[in-house]
Protein backbone atom coordinates (compact mmCIF):
# COMPACT_ATOMS: atom_id res chain seq x y z
CA MET A 1 86.89 34.39 15.44
CA LYS A 2 86.10 33.64 11.80
CA GLU A 3 84.84 30.12 11.17
CA ASN A 4 86.75 27.87 8.79
CA VAL A 5 84.25 27.64 5.92
CA SER A 6 84.81 26.43 2.38
CA PHE A 7 82.67 26.08 -0.71
CA GLU A 8 83.03 22.80 -2.54
CA PRO A 9 81.23 21.75 -5.73
CA ALA A 10 78.21 19.62 -4.84
CA ARG A 11 78.56 16.01 -5.92
CA GLU A 12 76.12 13.16 -6.16
CA SER A 13 77.54 11.80 -2.90
CA ASP A 14 76.34 15.02 -1.16
CA VAL A 15 72.68 14.60 -2.13
CA GLU A 16 71.69 12.56 0.92
CA ARG A 17 73.18 15.12 3.33
CA LEU A 18 71.59 18.03 1.44
CA ASN A 19 68.25 16.21 1.60
CA ARG A 20 68.53 15.94 5.39
CA ILE A 21 69.27 19.67 5.62
CA VAL A 22 66.29 20.74 3.46
CA ASN A 23 64.07 18.54 5.63
CA GLU A 24 64.96 20.49 8.77
CA PRO A 25 61.87 22.60 9.58
CA ASP A 26 63.86 25.79 10.27
CA VAL A 27 65.62 25.48 6.92
CA ALA A 28 62.52 24.45 4.96
CA ARG A 29 60.42 27.27 6.39
CA TYR A 30 61.35 29.66 3.58
CA LEU A 31 62.02 27.12 0.83
CA ASP A 32 59.33 26.26 -1.70
CA LEU A 33 59.45 22.61 -0.63
CA ILE A 34 56.72 20.75 1.22
CA LEU A 35 58.02 18.45 3.94
CA PRO A 36 58.93 15.70 3.96
CA VAL A 37 61.09 16.04 0.86
CA PRO A 38 61.85 12.54 -0.42
CA LEU A 39 65.45 11.75 -1.27
CA GLU A 40 64.31 11.04 -4.84
CA LYS A 41 63.11 14.64 -5.20
CA THR A 42 66.45 16.03 -4.02
CA GLN A 43 68.22 13.64 -6.41
CA ALA A 44 65.99 14.79 -9.29
CA PHE A 45 66.74 18.45 -8.43
CA PHE A 46 70.48 17.72 -8.37
CA SER A 47 70.29 15.92 -11.73
CA SER A 48 68.26 18.72 -13.32
CA MET A 49 70.77 21.30 -12.07
CA GLN A 50 73.60 19.30 -13.63
CA ALA A 51 71.70 19.11 -16.91
CA ILE A 52 71.40 22.91 -17.17
CA ARG A 53 74.94 23.46 -15.86
CA ALA A 54 73.83 25.26 -12.73
CA SER A 55 76.53 25.98 -10.17
CA LEU A 56 75.93 24.28 -6.82
CA TRP A 57 78.33 24.34 -3.91
CA CYS A 58 78.20 22.70 -0.52
CA ILE A 59 78.93 25.04 2.37
CA VAL A 60 81.41 23.12 4.49
CA ALA A 61 82.52 23.88 8.06
CA ASP A 62 84.87 21.57 9.93
CA LYS A 63 84.59 18.96 7.15
CA GLU A 64 80.78 18.82 7.53
CA THR A 65 78.28 20.06 4.92
CA ILE A 66 76.10 22.66 6.64
CA GLY A 67 74.26 24.14 3.67
CA CYS A 68 74.22 24.87 -0.02
CA VAL A 69 74.61 27.90 -2.29
CA GLY A 70 73.79 27.94 -5.96
CA LEU A 71 73.40 29.89 -9.16
CA ILE A 72 70.67 28.68 -11.49
CA PRO A 73 71.15 30.15 -14.97
CA GLU A 74 68.36 31.16 -17.27
CA GLU A 75 68.11 29.09 -20.43
CA GLU A 76 70.96 29.45 -22.92
CA GLY A 77 70.05 31.01 -26.24
CA THR A 78 67.31 33.20 -24.77
CA LYS A 79 67.12 36.92 -24.08
CA LEU A 80 67.34 36.07 -20.37
CA ALA A 81 70.59 34.07 -20.59
CA HIS A 82 72.58 36.89 -18.96
CA SER A 83 70.73 36.23 -15.66
CA ALA A 84 70.88 33.68 -12.89
CA THR A 85 68.95 33.06 -9.70
CA ILE A 86 70.91 32.69 -6.47
CA PHE A 87 69.85 30.65 -3.47
CA VAL A 88 71.41 29.90 -0.09
CA TYR A 89 70.32 27.59 2.66
CA LEU A 90 72.12 26.90 5.87
CA GLU A 91 71.49 24.80 8.97
CA ARG A 92 70.05 26.83 11.84
CA PRO A 93 73.01 26.43 14.26
CA TYR A 94 75.10 28.39 11.73
CA TRP A 95 72.71 31.33 11.33
CA GLY A 96 73.98 34.71 12.48
CA ARG A 97 77.66 33.79 12.11
CA GLY A 98 78.31 35.55 8.81
CA ILE A 99 78.41 32.30 6.84
CA GLY A 100 75.38 33.21 4.71
CA GLY A 101 77.10 36.46 3.78
CA ARG A 102 80.25 34.62 2.83
CA ALA A 103 78.16 32.24 0.70
CA VAL A 104 76.49 35.14 -1.14
CA SER A 105 79.87 36.83 -1.69
CA PHE A 106 81.33 33.57 -2.99
CA ALA A 107 78.45 33.00 -5.43
CA LEU A 108 78.61 36.60 -6.66
CA SER A 109 82.35 36.26 -7.30
CA GLU A 110 81.62 33.08 -9.29
CA ALA A 111 78.92 34.93 -11.24
CA GLU A 112 81.27 37.77 -12.27
CA GLY A 113 82.09 37.54 -15.95
CA ARG A 114 79.46 34.85 -16.47
CA PHE A 115 76.26 36.77 -15.70
CA GLU A 116 75.25 40.41 -15.72
CA ARG A 117 72.26 40.01 -13.41
CA VAL A 118 71.69 37.85 -10.35
CA GLU A 119 68.20 37.57 -8.88
CA ALA A 120 66.81 36.33 -5.58
CA LEU A 121 63.20 35.74 -4.53
CA ILE A 122 62.78 36.09 -0.79
CA VAL A 123 59.73 35.43 1.39
CA GLU A 124 58.77 38.82 2.81
CA GLU A 125 58.79 37.60 6.43
CA ASN A 126 62.35 36.35 6.02
CA THR A 127 63.83 39.64 7.15
CA ARG A 128 67.25 38.06 7.81
CA SER A 129 67.59 37.07 4.16
CA LEU A 130 66.26 40.39 2.92
CA ARG A 131 68.90 42.24 4.98
CA LEU A 132 71.60 39.81 3.85
CA PHE A 133 70.93 40.29 0.16
CA GLU A 134 70.46 44.05 0.46
CA LYS A 135 73.80 44.25 2.30
CA HIS A 136 75.33 42.60 -0.79
CA GLY A 137 73.85 45.18 -3.16
CA PHE A 138 70.60 43.50 -4.14
CA VAL A 139 67.80 45.97 -4.83
CA ARG A 140 64.11 45.33 -4.30
CA GLU A 141 62.44 45.38 -7.69
CA GLY A 142 58.93 44.32 -6.83
CA VAL A 143 56.61 42.11 -4.87
CA LYS A 144 54.76 39.00 -5.98
CA ARG A 145 51.67 39.21 -3.78
CA LYS A 146 50.41 36.05 -2.09
CA ALA A 147 52.91 34.04 -4.13
CA PHE A 148 54.19 31.78 -1.33
CA ARG A 149 51.80 29.48 0.48
CA CYS A 150 52.71 27.64 3.63
CA GLY A 151 49.83 25.71 5.11
CA GLY A 152 46.81 27.96 4.88
CA MET A 153 48.87 31.17 5.09
CA TYR A 154 50.05 33.26 2.16
CA SER A 155 53.13 35.46 2.02
CA ASN A 156 54.50 37.87 -0.49
CA LEU A 157 57.74 37.18 -2.34
CA VAL A 158 60.14 40.10 -2.65
CA MET A 159 61.90 40.18 -6.01
CA THR A 160 65.48 41.42 -5.66
CA ALA A 161 68.37 41.66 -8.10
CA LYS A 162 71.93 42.83 -8.39
CA ILE A 163 73.41 44.07 -11.65
CA LEU A 164 76.98 42.84 -11.99
CA ASP A 165 78.03 44.43 -15.28
CA CYS A 166 76.85 48.03 -15.77
CA ARG A 167 78.64 48.59 -19.07
CA SER A 168 76.24 46.72 -21.33
CA THR A 169 73.03 48.04 -19.73
CA GLY A 170 73.99 51.64 -19.25
CA SER A 171 72.66 51.61 -15.70
CA HIS A 172 73.67 50.38 -12.31
CA ASP A 173 72.11 49.30 -9.05
CA GLY A 174 73.75 51.89 -6.86
């Protein structure tokens, strides 16, 4: 049975709920945030995303926000402006249900016609996310060694990307 999931634009009234989600240890494990994340920091992130016209959506199941998916564009007027970074986070009880995949598909459909390249940085040990993004056509482009520190442990970050519009680059991502 497919869960009833929708993607709704994140609003200021969602910030408190999103803050509670990013403070869940299982969710925060692979985020670059150090717990506890104060509500003010989540509010500042939300405001900064609005200022650069990033696209943020709440992942909603049964009228409850269970996560967030977003596209953070590179700066307008630069040679990188054709690119965006995607992120997804989801409460642990919803892992393994296909919701993350639906979130990635949704964000990619929103990126079509707006961006030519979508990137994701994934902690190497986060094999679930690596498989998820690869399943959606993201290709590993490199590794940032010892780029992610959690406590006294270092992890590599895997740089992945998906090319959305092959026509202007003359190449494709397979």
